[in-house]
């Protein structure tokens, strides 16, 4: 698997876990606990990423970013949003570089 495919593969695994639960799966634990638990974990991992970055520990930053991306992927599956939806929004923003107000404008999926 190429690096650029990792988020897609992770998303598929998480989506499969939601559709076909596996006993003892941490991913299924998160889905069973619901959106509040998923959001709590996203927040925790974002905070841990910030702290690792503040401490300039590259290995810890990578570790925490990986945790954050996993939990964000769980959130995406829960909300029925794909990475492609996110990437399309980023592409739109790239085209609007010269206008910061438009850059931060929300669009419907």
PDB file of N, CA and C in Angstrom:
ATOM      1  N   UNK A   1       0.841  -1.177   0.000  1.00  0.00           N
ATOM      2  CA  UNK A   1       0.000   0.000   0.000  1.00  0.00           C
ATOM      3  C   UNK A   1       0.890   1.246   0.000  1.00  0.00           C
ATOM      4  N   UNK A   2       0.564   2.202  -0.847  1.00  0.00           N
ATOM      5  CA  UNK A   2       1.308   3.456  -0.898  1.00  0.00           C
ATOM      6  C   UNK A   2       0.865   4.366   0.246  1.00  0.00           C
ATOM      7  N   UNK A   3       1.755   5.242   0.666  1.00  0.00           N
ATOM      8  CA  UNK A   3       1.454   6.155   1.771  1.00  0.00           C
ATOM      9  C   UNK A   3       0.173   6.941   1.543  1.00  0.00           C
ATOM     10  N   UNK A   4      -0.035   7.404   0.312  1.00  0.00           N
ATOM     11  CA  UNK A   4      -1.197   8.236   0.045  1.00  0.00           C
ATOM     12  C   UNK A   4      -2.519   7.474   0.180  1.00  0.00           C
ATOM     13  N   UNK A   5      -2.470   6.173   0.255  1.00  0.00           N
ATOM     14  CA  UNK A   5      -3.674   5.351   0.377  1.00  0.00           C
ATOM     15  C   UNK A   5      -4.006   4.994   1.824  1.00  0.00           C
ATOM     16  N   UNK A   6      -3.141   5.327   2.745  1.00  0.00           N
ATOM     17  CA  UNK A   6      -3.297   4.895   4.134  1.00  0.00           C
ATOM     18  C   UNK A   6      -4.603   5.390   4.755  1.00  0.00           C
ATOM     19  N   UNK A   7      -4.939   6.666   4.563  1.00  0.00           N
ATOM     20  CA  UNK A   7      -6.174   7.189   5.160  1.00  0.00           C
ATOM     21  C   UNK A   7      -7.413   6.517   4.570  1.00  0.00           C
ATOM     22  N   UNK A   8      -7.373   6.227   3.280  1.00  0.00           N
ATOM     23  CA  UNK A   8      -8.499   5.527   2.653  1.00  0.00           C
ATOM     24  C   UNK A   8      -8.646   4.112   3.222  1.00  0.00           C
ATOM     25  N   UNK A   9      -7.531   3.437   3.369  1.00  0.00           N
ATOM     26  CA  UNK A   9      -7.557   2.070   3.912  1.00  0.00           C
ATOM     27  C   UNK A   9      -8.044   2.081   5.356  1.00  0.00           C
ATOM     28  N   UNK A  10      -7.540   3.007   6.143  1.00  0.00           N
ATOM     29  CA  UNK A  10      -7.981   3.132   7.530  1.00  0.00           C
ATOM     30  C   UNK A  10      -9.480   3.394   7.593  1.00  0.00           C
ATOM     31  N   UNK A  11      -9.965   4.296   6.757  1.00  0.00           N
ATOM     32  CA  UNK A  11     -11.390   4.612   6.700  1.00  0.00           C
ATOM     33  C   UNK A  11     -12.207   3.357   6.396  1.00  0.00           C
ATOM     34  N   UNK A  12     -11.753   2.579   5.413  1.00  0.00           N
ATOM     35  CA  UNK A  12     -12.464   1.348   5.034  1.00  0.00           C
ATOM     36  C   UNK A  12     -12.514   0.351   6.191  1.00  0.00           C
ATOM     37  N   UNK A  13     -11.408   0.209   6.900  1.00  0.00           N
ATOM     38  CA  UNK A  13     -11.365  -0.715   8.043  1.00  0.00           C
ATOM     39  C   UNK A  13     -12.359  -0.264   9.108  1.00  0.00           C
ATOM     40  N   UNK A  14     -12.362   1.030   9.397  1.00  0.00           N
ATOM     41  CA  UNK A  14     -13.269   1.566  10.422  1.00  0.00           C
ATOM     42  C   UNK A  14     -14.720   1.412   9.975  1.00  0.00           C
ATOM     43  N   UNK A  15     -14.998   1.720   8.730  1.00  0.00           N
ATOM     44  CA  UNK A  15     -16.357   1.574   8.212  1.00  0.00           C
ATOM     45  C   UNK A  15     -16.805   0.112   8.275  1.00  0.00           C
ATOM     46  N   UNK A  16     -15.905  -0.796   7.940  1.00  0.00           N
ATOM     47  CA  UNK A  16     -16.209  -2.223   8.022  1.00  0.00           C
ATOM     48  C   UNK A  16     -16.513  -2.642   9.455  1.00  0.00           C
ATOM     49  N   UNK A  17     -15.765  -2.090  10.408  1.00  0.00           N
ATOM     50  CA  UNK A  17     -15.998  -2.397  11.821  1.00  0.00           C
ATOM     51  C   UNK A  17     -17.388  -1.935  12.259  1.00  0.00           C
ATOM     52  N   UNK A  18     -17.794  -0.784  11.741  1.00  0.00           N
ATOM     53  CA  UNK A  18     -19.121  -0.271  12.094  1.00  0.00           C
ATOM     54  C   UNK A  18     -20.216  -1.168  11.514  1.00  0.00           C
ATOM     55  N   UNK A  19     -20.012  -1.618  10.281  1.00  0.00           N
ATOM     56  CA  UNK A  19     -21.012  -2.441   9.601  1.00  0.00           C
ATOM     57  C   UNK A  19     -20.982  -3.889  10.076  1.00  0.00           C
ATOM     58  N   UNK A  20     -19.795  -4.386  10.450  1.00  0.00           N
ATOM     59  CA  UNK A  20     -19.641  -5.770  10.899  1.00  0.00           C
ATOM     60  C   UNK A  20     -18.838  -5.770  12.208  1.00  0.00           C
ATOM     61  N   UNK A  21     -19.516  -5.457  13.297  1.00  0.00           N
ATOM     62  CA  UNK A  21     -18.811  -5.339  14.589  1.00  0.00           C
ATOM     63  C   UNK A  21     -18.018  -6.592  14.953  1.00  0.00           C
ATOM     64  N   UNK A  22     -16.897  -6.357  15.609  1.00  0.00           N
ATOM     65  CA  UNK A  22     -16.036  -7.434  16.065  1.00  0.00           C
ATOM     66  C   UNK A  22     -15.875  -7.289  17.580  1.00  0.00           C
ATOM     67  N   UNK A  23     -16.192  -8.337  18.295  1.00  0.00           N
ATOM     68  CA  UNK A  23     -16.107  -8.306  19.747  1.00  0.00           C
ATOM     69  C   UNK A  23     -14.683  -7.971  20.197  1.00  0.00           C
ATOM     70  N   UNK A  24     -14.588  -7.056  21.148  1.00  0.00           N
ATOM     71  CA  UNK A  24     -13.291  -6.665  21.686  1.00  0.00           C
ATOM     72  C   UNK A  24     -12.596  -5.575  20.893  1.00  0.00           C
ATOM     73  N   UNK A  25     -13.226  -5.103  19.820  1.00  0.00           N
ATOM     74  CA  UNK A  25     -12.631  -4.077  18.972  1.00  0.00           C
ATOM     75  C   UNK A  25     -12.746  -2.707  19.640  1.00  0.00           C
ATOM     76  N   UNK A  26     -11.626  -1.984  19.717  1.00  0.00           N
ATOM     77  CA  UNK A  26     -11.636  -0.633  20.266  1.00  0.00           C
ATOM     78  C   UNK A  26     -12.512   0.284  19.413  1.00  0.00           C
ATOM     79  N   UNK A  27     -12.453   0.096  18.099  1.00  0.00           N
ATOM     80  CA  UNK A  27     -13.279   0.894  17.197  1.00  0.00           C
ATOM     81  C   UNK A  27     -14.751   0.690  17.499  1.00  0.00           C
ATOM     82  N   UNK A  28     -15.157  -0.561  17.697  1.00  0.00           N
ATOM     83  CA  UNK A  28     -16.553  -0.828  18.039  1.00  0.00           C
ATOM     84  C   UNK A  28     -16.925  -0.275  19.409  1.00  0.00           C
ATOM     85  N   UNK A  29     -15.978  -0.279  20.327  1.00  0.00           N
ATOM     86  CA  UNK A  29     -16.206   0.338  21.633  1.00  0.00           C
ATOM     87  C   UNK A  29     -16.572   1.813  21.455  1.00  0.00           C
ATOM     88  N   UNK A  30     -15.822   2.505  20.594  1.00  0.00           N
ATOM     89  CA  UNK A  30     -16.108   3.920  20.354  1.00  0.00           C
ATOM     90  C   UNK A  30     -17.491   4.105  19.732  1.00  0.00           C
ATOM     91  N   UNK A  31     -17.819   3.302  18.731  1.00  0.00           N
ATOM     92  CA  UNK A  31     -19.141   3.410  18.109  1.00  0.00           C
ATOM     93  C   UNK A  31     -20.250   3.087  19.104  1.00  0.00           C
ATOM     94  N   UNK A  32     -20.038   2.086  19.941  1.00  0.00           N
ATOM     95  CA  UNK A  32     -21.038   1.713  20.946  1.00  0.00           C
ATOM     96  C   UNK A  32     -21.266   2.831  21.958  1.00  0.00           C
ATOM     97  N   UNK A  33     -20.204   3.534  22.325  1.00  0.00           N
ATOM     98  CA  UNK A  33     -20.314   4.622  23.305  1.00  0.00           C
ATOM     99  C   UNK A  33     -20.942   5.876  22.694  1.00  0.00           C
ATOM    100  N   UNK A  34     -20.802   6.018  21.378  1.00  0.00           N
ATOM    101  CA  UNK A  34     -21.483   7.111  20.695  1.00  0.00           C
ATOM    102  C   UNK A  34     -20.628   8.341  20.446  1.00  0.00           C
ATOM    103  N   UNK A  35     -21.297   9.338  19.895  1.00  0.00           N
ATOM    104  CA  UNK A  35     -20.622  10.540  19.413  1.00  0.00           C
ATOM    105  C   UNK A  35     -19.890  11.289  20.525  1.00  0.00           C
ATOM    106  N   UNK A  36     -20.448  11.333  21.725  1.00  0.00           N
ATOM    107  CA  UNK A  36     -19.777  12.056  22.810  1.00  0.00           C
ATOM    108  C   UNK A  36     -18.411  11.457  23.117  1.00  0.00           C
ATOM    109  N   UNK A  37     -18.323  10.144  23.151  1.00  0.00           N
ATOM    110  CA  UNK A  37     -17.050   9.475  23.422  1.00  0.00           C
ATOM    111  C   UNK A  37     -16.068   9.707  22.270  1.00  0.00           C
ATOM    112  N   UNK A  38     -16.559   9.615  21.050  1.00  0.00           N
ATOM    113  CA  UNK A  38     -15.698   9.840  19.882  1.00  0.00           C
ATOM    114  C   UNK A  38     -15.135  11.258  19.918  1.00  0.00           C
ATOM    115  N   UNK A  39     -15.989  12.230  20.187  1.00  0.00           N
ATOM    116  CA  UNK A  39     -15.541  13.626  20.246  1.00  0.00           C
ATOM    117  C   UNK A  39     -14.565  13.858  21.390  1.00  0.00           C
ATOM    118  N   UNK A  40     -14.814  13.200  22.514  1.00  0.00           N
ATOM    119  CA  UNK A  40     -13.896  13.314  23.655  1.00  0.00           C
ATOM    120  C   UNK A  40     -12.510  12.815  23.263  1.00  0.00           C
ATOM    121  N   UNK A  41     -12.452  11.690  22.560  1.00  0.00           N
ATOM    122  CA  UNK A  41     -11.163  11.130  22.141  1.00  0.00           C
ATOM    123  C   UNK A  41     -10.481  12.031  21.109  1.00  0.00           C
ATOM    124  N   UNK A  42     -11.236  12.608  20.191  1.00  0.00           N
ATOM    125  CA  UNK A  42     -10.645  13.543  19.223  1.00  0.00           C
ATOM    126  C   UNK A  42     -10.019  14.714  19.980  1.00  0.00           C
ATOM    127  N   UNK A  43     -10.745  15.235  20.954  1.00  0.00           N
ATOM    128  CA  UNK A  43     -10.222  16.344  21.754  1.00  0.00           C
ATOM    129  C   UNK A  43      -8.974  15.969  22.530  1.00  0.00           C
ATOM    130  N   UNK A  44      -8.981  14.794  23.139  1.00  0.00           N
ATOM    131  CA  UNK A  44      -7.814  14.326  23.896  1.00  0.00           C
ATOM    132  C   UNK A  44      -6.594  14.191  22.984  1.00  0.00           C
ATOM    133  N   UNK A  45      -6.800  13.597  21.828  1.00  0.00           N
ATOM    134  CA  UNK A  45      -5.681  13.388  20.912  1.00  0.00           C
ATOM    135  C   UNK A  45      -5.175  14.712  20.335  1.00  0.00           C
ATOM    136  N   UNK A  46      -6.077  15.655  20.090  1.00  0.00           N
ATOM    137  CA  UNK A  46      -5.655  16.978  19.621  1.00  0.00           C
ATOM    138  C   UNK A  46      -4.801  17.661  20.693  1.00  0.00           C
ATOM    139  N   UNK A  47      -5.219  17.561  21.945  1.00  0.00           N
ATOM    140  CA  UNK A  47      -4.460  18.148  23.052  1.00  0.00           C
ATOM    141  C   UNK A  47      -3.094  17.492  23.176  1.00  0.00           C
ATOM    142  N   UNK A  48      -3.047  16.171  23.070  1.00  0.00           N
ATOM    143  CA  UNK A  48      -1.770  15.463  23.164  1.00  0.00           C
ATOM    144  C   UNK A  48      -0.846  15.836  22.001  1.00  0.00           C
ATOM    145  N   UNK A  49      -1.429  16.079  20.823  1.00  0.00           N
ATOM    146  CA  UNK A  49      -0.636  16.525  19.676  1.00  0.00           C
ATOM    147  C   UNK A  49      -0.060  17.911  19.940  1.00  0.00           C
ATOM    148  N   UNK A  50      -0.855  18.787  20.514  1.00  0.00           N
ATOM    149  CA  UNK A  50      -0.396  20.136  20.852  1.00  0.00           C
ATOM    150  C   UNK A  50       0.753  20.075  21.855  1.00  0.00           C
ATOM    151  N   UNK A  51       0.598  19.268  22.888  1.00  0.00           N
ATOM    152  CA  UNK A  51       1.642  19.164  23.914  1.00  0.00           C
ATOM    153  C   UNK A  51       2.931  18.577  23.341  1.00  0.00           C
ATOM    154  N   UNK A  52       2.811  17.555  22.513  1.00  0.00           N
ATOM    155  CA  UNK A  52       4.000  16.964  21.890  1.00  0.00           C
ATOM    156  C   UNK A  52       4.692  18.003  21.001  1.00  0.00           C
ATOM    157  N   UNK A  53       3.895  18.797  20.305  1.00  0.00           N
ATOM    158  CA  UNK A  53       4.464  19.833  19.435  1.00  0.00           C
ATOM    159  C   UNK A  53       5.149  20.914  20.254  1.00  0.00           C
ATOM    160  N   UNK A  54       4.547  21.289  21.355  1.00  0.00           N
ATOM    161  CA  UNK A  54       5.133  22.298  22.231  1.00  0.00           C
ATOM    162  C   UNK A  54       6.490  21.833  22.752  1.00  0.00           C
ATOM    163  N   UNK A  55       6.604  20.549  22.992  1.00  0.00           N
ATOM    164  CA  UNK A  55       7.846  19.979  23.513  1.00  0.00           C
ATOM    165  C   UNK A  55       8.849  19.641  22.409  1.00  0.00           C
ATOM    166  N   UNK A  56       8.465  19.882  21.158  1.00  0.00           N
ATOM    167  CA  UNK A  56       9.336  19.655  19.991  1.00  0.00           C
ATOM    168  C   UNK A  56       9.892  18.235  19.919  1.00  0.00           C
ATOM    169  N   UNK A  57       9.081  17.262  20.311  1.00  0.00           N
ATOM    170  CA  UNK A  57       9.481  15.856  20.251  1.00  0.00           C
ATOM    171  C   UNK A  57       8.894  15.241  18.977  1.00  0.00           C
ATOM    172  N   UNK A  58       9.705  15.196  17.923  1.00  0.00           N
ATOM    173  CA  UNK A  58       9.221  14.767  16.611  1.00  0.00           C
ATOM    174  C   UNK A  58       8.559  13.387  16.642  1.00  0.00           C
ATOM    175  N   UNK A  59       9.178  12.420  17.306  1.00  0.00           N
ATOM    176  CA  UNK A  59       8.602  11.073  17.371  1.00  0.00           C
ATOM    177  C   UNK A  59       7.265  11.071  18.099  1.00  0.00           C
ATOM    178  N   UNK A  60       7.163  11.853  19.150  1.00  0.00           N
ATOM    179  CA  UNK A  60       5.906  11.942  19.901  1.00  0.00           C
ATOM    180  C   UNK A  60       4.838  12.663  19.080  1.00  0.00           C
ATOM    181  N   UNK A  61       5.250  13.683  18.339  1.00  0.00           N
ATOM    182  CA  UNK A  61       4.305  14.393  17.472  1.00  0.00           C
ATOM    183  C   UNK A  61       3.717  13.432  16.435  1.00  0.00           C
ATOM    184  N   UNK A  62       4.567  12.657  15.812  1.00  0.00           N
ATOM    185  CA  UNK A  62       4.112  11.688  14.809  1.00  0.00           C
ATOM    186  C   UNK A  62       3.169  10.671  15.441  1.00  0.00           C
ATOM    187  N   UNK A  63       3.511  10.184  16.618  1.00  0.00           N
ATOM    188  CA  UNK A  63       2.681   9.215  17.325  1.00  0.00           C
ATOM    189  C   UNK A  63       1.298   9.799  17.627  1.00  0.00           C
ATOM    190  N   UNK A  64       1.290  11.015  18.162  1.00  0.00           N
ATOM    191  CA  UNK A  64       0.019  11.641  18.536  1.00  0.00           C
ATOM    192  C   UNK A  64      -0.801  12.044  17.310  1.00  0.00           C
ATOM    193  N   UNK A  65      -0.145  12.506  16.257  1.00  0.00           N
ATOM    194  CA  UNK A  65      -0.865  12.812  15.024  1.00  0.00           C
ATOM    195  C   UNK A  65      -1.519  11.560  14.441  1.00  0.00           C
ATOM    196  N   UNK A  66      -0.841  10.435  14.556  1.00  0.00           N
ATOM    197  CA  UNK A  66      -1.411   9.178  14.080  1.00  0.00           C
ATOM    198  C   UNK A  66      -2.661   8.816  14.874  1.00  0.00           C
ATOM    199  N   UNK A  67      -2.593   8.976  16.194  1.00  0.00           N
ATOM    200  CA  UNK A  67      -3.782   8.746  17.031  1.00  0.00           C
ATOM    201  C   UNK A  67      -4.909   9.697  16.642  1.00  0.00           C
ATOM    202  N   UNK A  68      -4.564  10.966  16.420  1.00  0.00           N
ATOM    203  CA  UNK A  68      -5.572  11.963  16.054  1.00  0.00           C
ATOM    204  C   UNK A  68      -6.230  11.609  14.724  1.00  0.00           C
ATOM    205  N   UNK A  69      -5.432  11.224  13.732  1.00  0.00           N
ATOM    206  CA  UNK A  69      -6.000  10.862  12.437  1.00  0.00           C
ATOM    207  C   UNK A  69      -6.901   9.636  12.532  1.00  0.00           C
ATOM    208  N   UNK A  70      -6.523   8.673  13.363  1.00  0.00           N
ATOM    209  CA  UNK A  70      -7.394   7.507  13.577  1.00  0.00           C
ATOM    210  C   UNK A  70      -8.739   7.952  14.150  1.00  0.00           C
ATOM    211  N   UNK A  71      -8.689   8.749  15.221  1.00  0.00           N
ATOM    212  CA  UNK A  71      -9.939   9.163  15.866  1.00  0.00           C
ATOM    213  C   UNK A  71     -10.762  10.088  14.967  1.00  0.00           C
ATOM    214  N   UNK A  72     -10.099  10.914  14.162  1.00  0.00           N
ATOM    215  CA  UNK A  72     -10.817  11.720  13.181  1.00  0.00           C
ATOM    216  C   UNK A  72     -11.488  10.825  12.141  1.00  0.00           C
ATOM    217  N   UNK A  73     -10.834   9.739  11.770  1.00  0.00           N
ATOM    218  CA  UNK A  73     -11.429   8.789  10.820  1.00  0.00           C
ATOM    219  C   UNK A  73     -12.673   8.139  11.403  1.00  0.00           C
ATOM    220  N   UNK A  74     -12.626   7.809  12.683  1.00  0.00           N
ATOM    221  CA  UNK A  74     -13.809   7.254  13.353  1.00  0.00           C
ATOM    222  C   UNK A  74     -14.939   8.282  13.311  1.00  0.00           C
ATOM    223  N   UNK A  75     -14.608   9.536  13.602  1.00  0.00           N
ATOM    224  CA  UNK A  75     -15.605  10.605  13.559  1.00  0.00           C
ATOM    225  C   UNK A  75     -16.198  10.754  12.156  1.00  0.00           C
ATOM    226  N   UNK A  76     -15.350  10.708  11.147  1.00  0.00           N
ATOM    227  CA  UNK A  76     -15.837  10.813   9.774  1.00  0.00           C
ATOM    228  C   UNK A  76     -16.831   9.700   9.449  1.00  0.00           C
ATOM    229  N   UNK A  77     -16.484   8.473   9.793  1.00  0.00           N
ATOM    230  CA  UNK A  77     -17.388   7.351   9.528  1.00  0.00           C
ATOM    231  C   UNK A  77     -18.696   7.551  10.285  1.00  0.00           C
ATOM    232  N   UNK A  78     -18.606   7.943  11.539  1.00  0.00           N
ATOM    233  CA  UNK A  78     -19.813   8.155  12.357  1.00  0.00           C
ATOM    234  C   UNK A  78     -20.725   9.211  11.734  1.00  0.00           C
ATOM    235  N   UNK A  79     -20.119  10.251  11.148  1.00  0.00           N
ATOM    236  CA  UNK A  79     -20.893  11.349  10.570  1.00  0.00           C
ATOM    237  C   UNK A  79     -21.187  11.155   9.080  1.00  0.00           C
ATOM    238  N   UNK A  80     -20.795  10.008   8.537  1.00  0.00           N
ATOM    239  CA  UNK A  80     -20.993   9.671   7.122  1.00  0.00           C
ATOM    240  C   UNK A  80     -20.360  10.727   6.200  1.00  0.00           C
ATOM    241  N   UNK A  81     -19.138  11.089   6.554  1.00  0.00           N
ATOM    242  CA  UNK A  81     -18.315  11.991   5.764  1.00  0.00           C
ATOM    243  C   UNK A  81     -17.090  11.201   5.330  1.00  0.00           C
ATOM    244  N   UNK A  82     -16.639  11.406   4.112  1.00  0.00           N
ATOM    245  CA  UNK A  82     -15.462  10.677   3.631  1.00  0.00           C
ATOM    246  C   UNK A  82     -14.241  11.596   3.611  1.00  0.00           C
ATOM    247  N   UNK A  83     -13.071  10.989   3.508  1.00  0.00           N
ATOM    248  CA  UNK A  83     -11.858  11.787   3.338  1.00  0.00           C
ATOM    249  C   UNK A  83     -11.933  12.572   2.043  1.00  0.00           C
ATOM    250  N   UNK A  84     -12.579  12.013   1.016  1.00  0.00           N
ATOM    251  CA  UNK A  84     -12.714  12.751  -0.244  1.00  0.00           C
ATOM    252  C   UNK A  84     -13.501  14.042  -0.035  1.00  0.00           C
ATOM    253  N   UNK A  85     -14.525  14.017   0.833  1.00  0.00           N
ATOM    254  CA  UNK A  85     -15.263  15.242   1.143  1.00  0.00           C
ATOM    255  C   UNK A  85     -14.328  16.297   1.731  1.00  0.00           C
ATOM    256  N   UNK A  86     -13.462  15.874   2.628  1.00  0.00           N
ATOM    257  CA  UNK A  86     -12.506  16.782   3.263  1.00  0.00           C
ATOM    258  C   UNK A  86     -11.500  17.291   2.239  1.00  0.00           C
ATOM    259  N   UNK A  87     -10.976  16.393   1.412  1.00  0.00           N
ATOM    260  CA  UNK A  87      -9.980  16.784   0.413  1.00  0.00           C
ATOM    261  C   UNK A  87     -10.571  17.759  -0.608  1.00  0.00           C
ATOM    262  N   UNK A  88     -11.832  17.548  -0.971  1.00  0.00           N
ATOM    263  CA  UNK A  88     -12.489  18.472  -1.910  1.00  0.00           C
ATOM    264  C   UNK A  88     -12.600  19.872  -1.294  1.00  0.00           C
ATOM    265  N   UNK A  89     -12.922  19.941  -0.015  1.00  0.00           N
ATOM    266  CA  UNK A  89     -12.981  21.236   0.663  1.00  0.00           C
ATOM    267  C   UNK A  89     -11.616  21.911   0.679  1.00  0.00           C
ATOM    268  N   UNK A  90     -10.579  21.136   0.921  1.00  0.00           N
ATOM    269  CA  UNK A  90      -9.229  21.696   0.910  1.00  0.00           C
ATOM    270  C   UNK A  90      -8.854  22.218  -0.477  1.00  0.00           C
ATOM    271  N   UNK A  91      -9.263  21.494  -1.517  1.00  0.00           N
ATOM    272  CA  UNK A  91      -9.001  21.953  -2.881  1.00  0.00           C
ATOM    273  C   UNK A  91      -9.703  23.281  -3.146  1.00  0.00           C
ATOM    274  N   UNK A  92     -10.950  23.400  -2.695  1.00  0.00           N
ATOM    275  CA  UNK A  92     -11.692  24.650  -2.882  1.00  0.00           C
ATOM    276  C   UNK A  92     -10.973  25.799  -2.186  1.00  0.00           C
ATOM    277  N   UNK A  93     -10.463  25.533  -1.015  1.00  0.00           N
ATOM    278  CA  UNK A  93      -9.763  26.577  -0.268  1.00  0.00           C
ATOM    279  C   UNK A  93      -8.474  26.982  -0.954  1.00  0.00           C
ATOM    280  N   UNK A  94      -7.799  26.041  -1.540  1.00  0.00           N
ATOM    281  CA  UNK A  94      -6.561  26.347  -2.261  1.00  0.00           C
ATOM    282  C   UNK A  94      -6.833  27.329  -3.392  1.00  0.00           C
ATOM    283  N   UNK A  95      -7.964  27.173  -4.042  1.00  0.00           N
ATOM    284  CA  UNK A  95      -8.327  28.057  -5.151  1.00  0.00           C
ATOM    285  C   UNK A  95      -8.695  29.459  -4.666  1.00  0.00           C
ATOM    286  N   UNK A  96      -8.952  29.595  -3.373  1.00  0.00           N
ATOM    287  CA  UNK A  96      -9.383  30.878  -2.815  1.00  0.00           C
ATOM    288  C   UNK A  96      -8.302  31.520  -1.963  1.00  0.00           C
ATOM    289  N   UNK A  97      -7.062  31.207  -2.202  1.00  0.00           N
ATOM    290  CA  UNK A  97      -5.950  31.713  -1.397  1.00  0.00           C
ATOM    291  C   UNK A  97      -5.943  33.222  -1.262  1.00  0.00           C
ATOM    292  N   UNK A  98      -6.340  33.917  -2.290  1.00  0.00           N
ATOM    293  CA  UNK A  98      -6.216  35.367  -2.273  1.00  0.00           C
ATOM    294  C   UNK A  98      -7.317  36.055  -1.471  1.00  0.00           C
ATOM    295  N   UNK A  99      -8.313  35.334  -1.045  1.00  0.00           N
ATOM    296  CA  UNK A  99      -9.393  35.938  -0.289  1.00  0.00           C
ATOM    297  C   UNK A  99      -9.608  35.171   1.006  1.00  0.00           C
ATOM    298  N   UNK A 100      -9.043  35.647   2.093  1.00  0.00           N
ATOM    299  CA  UNK A 100      -9.094  34.922   3.363  1.00  0.00           C
ATOM    300  C   UNK A 100     -10.511  34.735   3.886  1.00  0.00           C
ATOM    301  N   UNK A 101     -11.405  35.684   3.650  1.00  0.00           N
ATOM    302  CA  UNK A 101     -12.784  35.526   4.118  1.00  0.00           C
ATOM    303  C   UNK A 101     -13.436  34.336   3.418  1.00  0.00           C
ATOM    304  N   UNK A 102     -13.228  34.222   2.124  1.00  0.00           N
ATOM    305  CA  UNK A 102     -13.785  33.087   1.399  1.00  0.00           C
ATOM    306  C   UNK A 102     -13.108  31.791   1.802  1.00  0.00           C
ATOM    307  N   UNK A 103     -11.832  31.867   2.141  1.00  0.00           N
ATOM    308  CA  UNK A 103     -11.077  30.681   2.546  1.00  0.00           C
ATOM    309  C   UNK A 103     -11.749  29.985   3.714  1.00  0.00           C
ATOM    310  N   UNK A 104     -12.297  30.741   4.619  1.00  0.00           N
ATOM    311  CA  UNK A 104     -12.899  30.175   5.820  1.00  0.00           C
ATOM    312  C   UNK A 104     -14.413  30.010   5.721  1.00  0.00           C
ATOM    313  N   UNK A 105     -14.964  30.239   4.560  1.00  0.00           N
ATOM    314  CA  UNK A 105     -16.394  30.115   4.358  1.00  0.00           C
ATOM    315  C   UNK A 105     -16.784  28.642   4.263  1.00  0.00           C
ATOM    316  N   UNK A 106     -17.846  28.256   4.940  1.00  0.00           N
ATOM    317  CA  UNK A 106     -18.303  26.863   4.913  1.00  0.00           C
ATOM    318  C   UNK A 106     -19.085  26.597   3.644  1.00  0.00           C
ATOM    319  N   UNK A 107     -18.992  25.355   3.187  1.00  0.00           N
ATOM    320  CA  UNK A 107     -19.776  24.923   2.033  1.00  0.00           C
ATOM    321  C   UNK A 107     -20.518  23.662   2.397  1.00  0.00           C
ATOM    322  N   UNK A 108     -21.614  23.425   1.717  1.00  0.00           N
ATOM    323  CA  UNK A 108     -22.422  22.233   1.946  1.00  0.00           C
ATOM    324  C   UNK A 108     -21.839  21.050   1.187  1.00  0.00           C
ATOM    325  N   UNK A 109     -21.977  19.874   1.758  1.00  0.00           N
ATOM    326  CA  UNK A 109     -21.491  18.647   1.108  1.00  0.00           C
ATOM    327  C   UNK A 109     -22.578  18.082   0.243  1.00  0.00           C
TER     328      UNK A 109
END
